[in-house]
Amino acid sequence: MQRPITKRSIVVGERKTSISLESEFFDAFKDVAHRERKHLGTLAQEIDANRASGTNLSSAIRLYVLADLQRRAGA
């Protein structure tokens, strides 16, 4: 079953942009930001600055969330 993807607006640095994430990924993204004691925009800016060229921000956020889950699971 496919999860619906929702487009959300966030501020990354000084610019407003949109990301398209499934609710589960967005909730996990918020959890990571909370654990790291960062605003969503701040964490998104860091992810944006470190993402591979050709990767869109939404995909980079998904990969960041996945890596966080793997780290915490000890994988």
PDB file of N, CA and C in Angstrom:
ATOM      1  N   MET A   1       0.840  -1.187   0.000  1.00  0.00           N
ATOM      2  CA  MET A   1       0.000   0.000   0.000  1.00  0.00           C
ATOM      3  C   MET A   1       0.880   1.244   0.000  1.00  0.00           C
ATOM      4  N   GLN A   2       0.653   2.125  -0.936  1.00  0.00           N
ATOM      5  CA  GLN A   2       1.427   3.358  -1.002  1.00  0.00           C
ATOM      6  C   GLN A   2       0.916   4.369   0.011  1.00  0.00           C
ATOM      7  N   ARG A   3       1.849   5.061   0.616  1.00  0.00           N
ATOM      8  CA  ARG A   3       1.517   6.130   1.557  1.00  0.00           C
ATOM      9  C   ARG A   3       1.392   7.428   0.771  1.00  0.00           C
ATOM     10  N   PRO A   4       0.400   8.249   1.127  1.00  0.00           N
ATOM     11  CA  PRO A   4       0.291   9.538   0.433  1.00  0.00           C
ATOM     12  C   PRO A   4       1.454  10.455   0.801  1.00  0.00           C
ATOM     13  N   ILE A   5       1.931  11.154  -0.195  1.00  0.00           N
ATOM     14  CA  ILE A   5       3.004  12.123   0.007  1.00  0.00           C
ATOM     15  C   ILE A   5       2.369  13.495   0.127  1.00  0.00           C
ATOM     16  N   THR A   6       2.774  14.216   1.156  1.00  0.00           N
ATOM     17  CA  THR A   6       2.221  15.541   1.409  1.00  0.00           C
ATOM     18  C   THR A   6       3.307  16.584   1.197  1.00  0.00           C
ATOM     19  N   LYS A   7       2.961  17.632   0.500  1.00  0.00           N
ATOM     20  CA  LYS A   7       3.893  18.743   0.280  1.00  0.00           C
ATOM     21  C   LYS A   7       3.748  19.717   1.445  1.00  0.00           C
ATOM     22  N   ARG A   8       4.893  20.086   2.017  1.00  0.00           N
ATOM     23  CA  ARG A   8       4.911  21.015   3.142  1.00  0.00           C
ATOM     24  C   ARG A   8       5.910  22.128   2.855  1.00  0.00           C
ATOM     25  N   SER A   9       5.611  23.306   3.324  1.00  0.00           N
ATOM     26  CA  SER A   9       6.524  24.442   3.174  1.00  0.00           C
ATOM     27  C   SER A   9       7.367  24.577   4.427  1.00  0.00           C
ATOM     28  N   ILE A  10       8.665  24.787   4.236  1.00  0.00           N
ATOM     29  CA  ILE A  10       9.568  25.044   5.354  1.00  0.00           C
ATOM     30  C   ILE A  10      10.531  26.153   4.945  1.00  0.00           C
ATOM     31  N   VAL A  11      11.137  26.760   5.937  1.00  0.00           N
ATOM     32  CA  VAL A  11      12.141  27.792   5.682  1.00  0.00           C
ATOM     33  C   VAL A  11      13.508  27.162   5.895  1.00  0.00           C
ATOM     34  N   VAL A  12      14.327  27.203   4.853  1.00  0.00           N
ATOM     35  CA  VAL A  12      15.681  26.658   4.887  1.00  0.00           C
ATOM     36  C   VAL A  12      16.632  27.831   4.713  1.00  0.00           C
ATOM     37  N   GLY A  13      17.320  28.160   5.778  1.00  0.00           N
ATOM     38  CA  GLY A  13      18.155  29.361   5.741  1.00  0.00           C
ATOM     39  C   GLY A  13      17.261  30.578   5.643  1.00  0.00           C
ATOM     40  N   GLU A  14      17.412  31.309   4.580  1.00  0.00           N
ATOM     41  CA  GLU A  14      16.607  32.520   4.375  1.00  0.00           C
ATOM     42  C   GLU A  14      15.546  32.331   3.305  1.00  0.00           C
ATOM     43  N   ARG A  15      15.420  31.097   2.801  1.00  0.00           N
ATOM     44  CA  ARG A  15      14.469  30.891   1.707  1.00  0.00           C
ATOM     45  C   ARG A  15      13.385  29.901   2.093  1.00  0.00           C
ATOM     46  N   LYS A  16      12.212  30.163   1.578  1.00  0.00           N
ATOM     47  CA  LYS A  16      11.085  29.264   1.790  1.00  0.00           C
ATOM     48  C   LYS A  16      11.081  28.251   0.651  1.00  0.00           C
ATOM     49  N   THR A  17      10.937  26.991   0.992  1.00  0.00           N
ATOM     50  CA  THR A  17      10.905  25.942  -0.021  1.00  0.00           C
ATOM     51  C   THR A  17       9.876  24.902   0.394  1.00  0.00           C
ATOM     52  N   SER A  18       9.612  23.976  -0.483  1.00  0.00           N
ATOM     53  CA  SER A  18       8.665  22.917  -0.130  1.00  0.00           C
ATOM     54  C   SER A  18       9.370  21.576  -0.200  1.00  0.00           C
ATOM     55  N   ILE A  19       8.918  20.680   0.665  1.00  0.00           N
ATOM     56  CA  ILE A  19       9.396  19.306   0.657  1.00  0.00           C
ATOM     57  C   ILE A  19       8.168  18.412   0.540  1.00  0.00           C
ATOM     58  N   SER A  20       8.357  17.284  -0.095  1.00  0.00           N
ATOM     59  CA  SER A  20       7.269  16.313  -0.261  1.00  0.00           C
ATOM     60  C   SER A  20       7.677  15.037   0.441  1.00  0.00           C
ATOM     61  N   LEU A  21       7.014  14.746   1.556  1.00  0.00           N
ATOM     62  CA  LEU A  21       7.339  13.574   2.361  1.00  0.00           C
ATOM     63  C   LEU A  21       6.074  12.852   2.793  1.00  0.00           C
ATOM     64  N   GLU A  22       6.204  11.548   2.963  1.00  0.00           N
ATOM     65  CA  GLU A  22       5.136  10.769   3.581  1.00  0.00           C
ATOM     66  C   GLU A  22       5.030  11.225   5.039  1.00  0.00           C
ATOM     67  N   SER A  23       3.847  11.111   5.608  1.00  0.00           N
ATOM     68  CA  SER A  23       3.632  11.560   6.992  1.00  0.00           C
ATOM     69  C   SER A  23       4.594  10.883   7.957  1.00  0.00           C
ATOM     70  N   GLU A  24       4.871   9.597   7.733  1.00  0.00           N
ATOM     71  CA  GLU A  24       5.766   8.862   8.627  1.00  0.00           C
ATOM     72  C   GLU A  24       7.180   9.439   8.588  1.00  0.00           C
ATOM     73  N   PHE A  25       7.658   9.796   7.401  1.00  0.00           N
ATOM     74  CA  PHE A  25       8.988  10.393   7.292  1.00  0.00           C
ATOM     75  C   PHE A  25       9.006  11.791   7.899  1.00  0.00           C
ATOM     76  N   PHE A  26       7.948  12.557   7.687  1.00  0.00           N
ATOM     77  CA  PHE A  26       7.911  13.900   8.263  1.00  0.00           C
ATOM     78  C   PHE A  26       7.891  13.822   9.784  1.00  0.00           C
ATOM     79  N   ASP A  27       7.112  12.894  10.336  1.00  0.00           N
ATOM     80  CA  ASP A  27       7.079  12.720  11.793  1.00  0.00           C
ATOM     81  C   ASP A  27       8.450  12.306  12.324  1.00  0.00           C
ATOM     82  N   ALA A  28       9.120  11.396  11.613  1.00  0.00           N
ATOM     83  CA  ALA A  28      10.454  10.964  12.024  1.00  0.00           C
ATOM     84  C   ALA A  28      11.449  12.120  11.910  1.00  0.00           C
ATOM     85  N   PHE A  29      11.319  12.939  10.874  1.00  0.00           N
ATOM     86  CA  PHE A  29      12.163  14.114  10.692  1.00  0.00           C
ATOM     87  C   PHE A  29      11.998  15.070  11.876  1.00  0.00           C
ATOM     88  N   LYS A  30      10.748  15.302  12.283  1.00  0.00           N
ATOM     89  CA  LYS A  30      10.479  16.160  13.443  1.00  0.00           C
ATOM     90  C   LYS A  30      11.095  15.557  14.704  1.00  0.00           C
ATOM     91  N   ASP A  31      11.004  14.231  14.862  1.00  0.00           N
ATOM     92  CA  ASP A  31      11.584  13.563  16.030  1.00  0.00           C
ATOM     93  C   ASP A  31      13.104  13.747  16.075  1.00  0.00           C
ATOM     94  N   VAL A  32      13.751  13.591  14.934  1.00  0.00           N
ATOM     95  CA  VAL A  32      15.210  13.777  14.868  1.00  0.00           C
ATOM     96  C   VAL A  32      15.563  15.208  15.260  1.00  0.00           C
ATOM     97  N   ALA A  33      14.853  16.177  14.701  1.00  0.00           N
ATOM     98  CA  ALA A  33      15.117  17.581  15.024  1.00  0.00           C
ATOM     99  C   ALA A  33      14.937  17.825  16.524  1.00  0.00           C
ATOM    100  N   HIS A  34      13.902  17.246  17.088  1.00  0.00           N
ATOM    101  CA  HIS A  34      13.643  17.414  18.525  1.00  0.00           C
ATOM    102  C   HIS A  34      14.779  16.797  19.344  1.00  0.00           C
ATOM    103  N   ARG A  35      15.196  15.589  19.001  1.00  0.00           N
ATOM    104  CA  ARG A  35      16.284  14.924  19.718  1.00  0.00           C
ATOM    105  C   ARG A  35      17.593  15.700  19.608  1.00  0.00           C
ATOM    106  N   GLU A  36      17.824  16.292  18.435  1.00  0.00           N
ATOM    107  CA  GLU A  36      19.049  17.075  18.228  1.00  0.00           C
ATOM    108  C   GLU A  36      18.899  18.511  18.708  1.00  0.00           C
ATOM    109  N   ARG A  37      17.721  18.837  19.225  1.00  0.00           N
ATOM    110  CA  ARG A  37      17.419  20.178  19.750  1.00  0.00           C
ATOM    111  C   ARG A  37      17.649  21.263  18.702  1.00  0.00           C
ATOM    112  N   LYS A  38      17.077  20.999  17.516  1.00  0.00           N
ATOM    113  CA  LYS A  38      17.183  21.940  16.404  1.00  0.00           C
ATOM    114  C   LYS A  38      15.799  22.217  15.842  1.00  0.00           C
ATOM    115  N   HIS A  39      15.648  23.386  15.263  1.00  0.00           N
ATOM    116  CA  HIS A  39      14.421  23.687  14.533  1.00  0.00           C
ATOM    117  C   HIS A  39      14.454  22.896  13.232  1.00  0.00           C
ATOM    118  N   LEU A  40      13.278  22.585  12.704  1.00  0.00           N
ATOM    119  CA  LEU A  40      13.207  21.845  11.439  1.00  0.00           C
ATOM    120  C   LEU A  40      14.001  22.549  10.341  1.00  0.00           C
ATOM    121  N   GLY A  41      13.863  23.848  10.262  1.00  0.00           N
ATOM    122  CA  GLY A  41      14.555  24.598   9.225  1.00  0.00           C
ATOM    123  C   GLY A  41      16.065  24.521   9.359  1.00  0.00           C
ATOM    124  N   THR A  42      16.550  24.525  10.593  1.00  0.00           N
ATOM    125  CA  THR A  42      17.988  24.432  10.830  1.00  0.00           C
ATOM    126  C   THR A  42      18.510  23.071  10.393  1.00  0.00           C
ATOM    127  N   LEU A  43      17.808  22.007  10.787  1.00  0.00           N
ATOM    128  CA  LEU A  43      18.222  20.668  10.387  1.00  0.00           C
ATOM    129  C   LEU A  43      18.123  20.506   8.873  1.00  0.00           C
ATOM    130  N   ALA A  44      17.063  21.018   8.283  1.00  0.00           N
ATOM    131  CA  ALA A  44      16.909  20.948   6.824  1.00  0.00           C
ATOM    132  C   ALA A  44      18.042  21.693   6.122  1.00  0.00           C
ATOM    133  N   GLN A  45      18.473  22.818   6.686  1.00  0.00           N
ATOM    134  CA  GLN A  45      19.574  23.585   6.100  1.00  0.00           C
ATOM    135  C   GLN A  45      20.869  22.779   6.141  1.00  0.00           C
ATOM    136  N   GLU A  46      21.111  22.092   7.254  1.00  0.00           N
ATOM    137  CA  GLU A  46      22.310  21.257   7.364  1.00  0.00           C
ATOM    138  C   GLU A  46      22.269  20.099   6.361  1.00  0.00           C
ATOM    139  N   ILE A  47      21.116  19.468   6.251  1.00  0.00           N
ATOM    140  CA  ILE A  47      20.959  18.372   5.294  1.00  0.00           C
ATOM    141  C   ILE A  47      21.159  18.905   3.877  1.00  0.00           C
ATOM    142  N   ASP A  48      20.567  20.054   3.594  1.00  0.00           N
ATOM    143  CA  ASP A  48      20.676  20.675   2.268  1.00  0.00           C
ATOM    144  C   ASP A  48      22.132  20.963   1.918  1.00  0.00           C
ATOM    145  N   ALA A  49      22.894  21.465   2.880  1.00  0.00           N
ATOM    146  CA  ALA A  49      24.291  21.821   2.637  1.00  0.00           C
ATOM    147  C   ALA A  49      25.167  20.595   2.395  1.00  0.00           C
ATOM    148  N   ASN A  50      24.753  19.441   2.919  1.00  0.00           N
ATOM    149  CA  ASN A  50      25.584  18.239   2.829  1.00  0.00           C
ATOM    150  C   ASN A  50      25.067  17.196   1.844  1.00  0.00           C
ATOM    151  N   ARG A  51      23.986  17.486   1.155  1.00  0.00           N
ATOM    152  CA  ARG A  51      23.421  16.467   0.262  1.00  0.00           C
ATOM    153  C   ARG A  51      24.231  16.345  -1.019  1.00  0.00           C
ATOM    154  N   ALA A  52      24.162  15.166  -1.591  1.00  0.00           N
ATOM    155  CA  ALA A  52      24.867  14.907  -2.853  1.00  0.00           C
ATOM    156  C   ALA A  52      24.211  15.700  -3.970  1.00  0.00           C
ATOM    157  N   SER A  53      25.018  16.146  -4.904  1.00  0.00           N
ATOM    158  CA  SER A  53      24.451  16.884  -6.033  1.00  0.00           C
ATOM    159  C   SER A  53      23.529  15.946  -6.803  1.00  0.00           C
ATOM    160  N   GLY A  54      22.455  16.482  -7.278  1.00  0.00           N
ATOM    161  CA  GLY A  54      21.478  15.686  -8.011  1.00  0.00           C
ATOM    162  C   GLY A  54      20.415  15.068  -7.122  1.00  0.00           C
ATOM    163  N   THR A  55      20.603  15.135  -5.810  1.00  0.00           N
ATOM    164  CA  THR A  55      19.609  14.607  -4.873  1.00  0.00           C
ATOM    165  C   THR A  55      18.727  15.756  -4.421  1.00  0.00           C
ATOM    166  N   ASN A  56      17.414  15.588  -4.531  1.00  0.00           N
ATOM    167  CA  ASN A  56      16.547  16.669  -4.074  1.00  0.00           C
ATOM    168  C   ASN A  56      16.455  16.655  -2.552  1.00  0.00           C
ATOM    169  N   LEU A  57      16.007  17.759  -1.988  1.00  0.00           N
ATOM    170  CA  LEU A  57      15.986  17.907  -0.533  1.00  0.00           C
ATOM    171  C   LEU A  57      15.089  16.871   0.128  1.00  0.00           C
ATOM    172  N   SER A  58      13.953  16.572  -0.454  1.00  0.00           N
ATOM    173  CA  SER A  58      13.045  15.579   0.143  1.00  0.00           C
ATOM    174  C   SER A  58      13.724  14.220   0.249  1.00  0.00           C
ATOM    175  N   SER A  59      14.405  13.815  -0.800  1.00  0.00           N
ATOM    176  CA  SER A  59      15.123  12.530  -0.776  1.00  0.00           C
ATOM    177  C   SER A  59      16.257  12.563   0.240  1.00  0.00           C
ATOM    178  N   ALA A  60      16.964  13.683   0.301  1.00  0.00           N
ATOM    179  CA  ALA A  60      18.061  13.809   1.255  1.00  0.00           C
ATOM    180  C   ALA A  60      17.541  13.702   2.693  1.00  0.00           C
ATOM    181  N   ILE A  61      16.378  14.260   2.960  1.00  0.00           N
ATOM    182  CA  ILE A  61      15.782  14.163   4.300  1.00  0.00           C
ATOM    183  C   ILE A  61      15.425  12.710   4.601  1.00  0.00           C
ATOM    184  N   ARG A  62      14.835  12.015   3.639  1.00  0.00           N
ATOM    185  CA  ARG A  62      14.505  10.596   3.846  1.00  0.00           C
ATOM    186  C   ARG A  62      15.766   9.796   4.182  1.00  0.00           C
ATOM    187  N   LEU A  63      16.851  10.035   3.439  1.00  0.00           N
ATOM    188  CA  LEU A  63      18.102   9.318   3.684  1.00  0.00           C
ATOM    189  C   LEU A  63      18.680   9.661   5.052  1.00  0.00           C
ATOM    190  N   TYR A  64      18.563  10.905   5.467  1.00  0.00           N
ATOM    191  CA  TYR A  64      19.045  11.333   6.783  1.00  0.00           C
ATOM    192  C   TYR A  64      18.255  10.630   7.889  1.00  0.00           C
ATOM    193  N   VAL A  65      16.942  10.580   7.730  1.00  0.00           N
ATOM    194  CA  VAL A  65      16.081   9.912   8.709  1.00  0.00           C
ATOM    195  C   VAL A  65      16.422   8.422   8.771  1.00  0.00           C
ATOM    196  N   LEU A  66      16.588   7.794   7.620  1.00  0.00           N
ATOM    197  CA  LEU A  66      16.953   6.375   7.569  1.00  0.00           C
ATOM    198  C   LEU A  66      18.289   6.139   8.270  1.00  0.00           C
ATOM    199  N   ALA A  67      19.288   6.962   7.986  1.00  0.00           N
ATOM    200  CA  ALA A  67      20.600   6.821   8.621  1.00  0.00           C
ATOM    201  C   ALA A  67      20.493   6.980  10.141  1.00  0.00           C
ATOM    202  N   ASP A  68      19.666   7.917  10.577  1.00  0.00           N
ATOM    203  CA  ASP A  68      19.463   8.115  12.021  1.00  0.00           C
ATOM    204  C   ASP A  68      18.846   6.867  12.649  1.00  0.00           C
ATOM    205  N   LEU A  69      17.851   6.312  12.013  1.00  0.00           N
ATOM    206  CA  LEU A  69      17.205   5.103  12.528  1.00  0.00           C
ATOM    207  C   LEU A  69      18.184   3.929  12.567  1.00  0.00           C
ATOM    208  N   GLN A  70      19.005   3.817  11.539  1.00  0.00           N
ATOM    209  CA  GLN A  70      19.997   2.740  11.504  1.00  0.00           C
ATOM    210  C   GLN A  70      21.043   2.915  12.603  1.00  0.00           C
ATOM    211  N   ARG A  71      21.497   4.142  12.828  1.00  0.00           N
ATOM    212  CA  ARG A  71      22.462   4.411  13.899  1.00  0.00           C
ATOM    213  C   ARG A  71      21.880   4.020  15.244  1.00  0.00           C
ATOM    214  N   ARG A  72      20.653   4.421  15.479  1.00  0.00           N
ATOM    215  CA  ARG A  72      20.028   4.140  16.774  1.00  0.00           C
ATOM    216  C   ARG A  72      19.721   2.664  16.963  1.00  0.00           C
ATOM    217  N   ALA A  73      19.537   1.936  15.856  1.00  0.00           N
ATOM    218  CA  ALA A  73      19.273   0.495  15.930  1.00  0.00           C
ATOM    219  C   ALA A  73      20.579  -0.305  15.999  1.00  0.00           C
ATOM    220  N   GLY A  74      21.706   0.401  15.820  1.00  0.00           N
ATOM    221  CA  GLY A  74      22.993  -0.274  15.864  1.00  0.00           C
ATOM    222  C   GLY A  74      23.336  -0.997  14.585  1.00  0.00           C
ATOM    223  N   ALA A  75      22.681  -0.616  13.481  1.00  0.00           N
ATOM    224  CA  ALA A  75      22.946  -1.290  12.199  1.00  0.00           C
ATOM    225  C   ALA A  75      24.179  -0.756  11.533  1.00  0.00           C
TER     226      ALA A  75
END
